[in-house]
């Protein structure tokens, strides 16, 4: 069984991670700017 299939079964629903592309800070929820470095370049990763 592929690893991604196992992870999906383990965690169930999809998960979204927001991360600053400049400094790598993980953000809780959707933000327009990073709370650490004030960059507006925020990445959104949909896991699952």
C-alpha atoms as a PDB file:
ATOM      1  CA  UNK A   1       0.000   0.000   0.000  1.00  0.00           C
ATOM      2  CA  UNK A   2       1.436   3.414  -0.964  1.00  0.00           C
ATOM      3  CA  UNK A   3       2.586   5.662   1.879  1.00  0.00           C
ATOM      4  CA  UNK A   4       0.189   8.486   0.948  1.00  0.00           C
ATOM      5  CA  UNK A   5      -2.771   6.100   1.181  1.00  0.00           C
ATOM      6  CA  UNK A   6      -1.664   5.024   4.665  1.00  0.00           C
ATOM      7  CA  UNK A   7      -1.301   8.637   5.817  1.00  0.00           C
ATOM      8  CA  UNK A   8      -4.758   9.522   4.492  1.00  0.00           C
ATOM      9  CA  UNK A   9      -6.296   6.588   6.334  1.00  0.00           C
ATOM     10  CA  UNK A  10      -4.469   7.502   9.532  1.00  0.00           C
ATOM     11  CA  UNK A  11      -5.493  11.171   9.571  1.00  0.00           C
ATOM     12  CA  UNK A  12      -8.846  10.904   7.810  1.00  0.00           C
ATOM     13  CA  UNK A  13      -9.775  14.292   6.382  1.00  0.00           C
ATOM     14  CA  UNK A  14      -7.415  16.628   4.590  1.00  0.00           C
ATOM     15  CA  UNK A  15      -5.235  19.082   6.460  1.00  0.00           C
ATOM     16  CA  UNK A  16      -4.023  22.526   5.351  1.00  0.00           C
ATOM     17  CA  UNK A  17      -0.682  24.014   6.372  1.00  0.00           C
ATOM     18  CA  UNK A  18       0.149  27.699   5.923  1.00  0.00           C
ATOM     19  CA  UNK A  19       3.841  28.592   5.928  1.00  0.00           C
ATOM     20  CA  UNK A  20       5.866  31.726   5.256  1.00  0.00           C
ATOM     21  CA  UNK A  21       8.072  31.255   2.205  1.00  0.00           C
ATOM     22  CA  UNK A  22      10.616  33.782   3.474  1.00  0.00           C
ATOM     23  CA  UNK A  23      11.329  32.522   7.008  1.00  0.00           C
ATOM     24  CA  UNK A  24       9.490  29.169   7.198  1.00  0.00           C
ATOM     25  CA  UNK A  25       7.203  30.083  10.098  1.00  0.00           C
ATOM     26  CA  UNK A  26       4.095  27.888  10.251  1.00  0.00           C
ATOM     27  CA  UNK A  27       0.939  29.979  10.624  1.00  0.00           C
ATOM     28  CA  UNK A  28      -2.299  28.944  12.318  1.00  0.00           C
ATOM     29  CA  UNK A  29      -5.090  29.657   9.841  1.00  0.00           C
ATOM     30  CA  UNK A  30      -5.019  31.922   6.811  1.00  0.00           C
ATOM     31  CA  UNK A  31      -3.053  35.141   7.166  1.00  0.00           C
ATOM     32  CA  UNK A  32      -2.097  37.835   4.664  1.00  0.00           C
ATOM     33  CA  UNK A  33       1.302  38.433   6.270  1.00  0.00           C
ATOM     34  CA  UNK A  34       3.744  36.470   8.393  1.00  0.00           C
ATOM     35  CA  UNK A  35       3.659  37.310  12.094  1.00  0.00           C
ATOM     36  CA  UNK A  36       7.414  36.723  12.325  1.00  0.00           C
ATOM     37  CA  UNK A  37       8.898  38.653   9.370  1.00  0.00           C
ATOM     38  CA  UNK A  38       5.909  40.572   7.900  1.00  0.00           C
ATOM     39  CA  UNK A  39       6.331  38.923   4.486  1.00  0.00           C
ATOM     40  CA  UNK A  40       3.176  38.547   2.408  1.00  0.00           C
ATOM     41  CA  UNK A  41       4.497  35.479   0.560  1.00  0.00           C
ATOM     42  CA  UNK A  42       2.514  32.729   2.316  1.00  0.00           C
ATOM     43  CA  UNK A  43       2.421  29.164   1.001  1.00  0.00           C
ATOM     44  CA  UNK A  44      -0.641  26.930   1.414  1.00  0.00           C
ATOM     45  CA  UNK A  45      -0.165  23.156   1.397  1.00  0.00           C
ATOM     46  CA  UNK A  46      -3.170  20.844   1.167  1.00  0.00           C
ATOM     47  CA  UNK A  47      -2.239  17.532   2.738  1.00  0.00           C
ATOM     48  CA  UNK A  48      -4.567  14.688   1.928  1.00  0.00           C
END
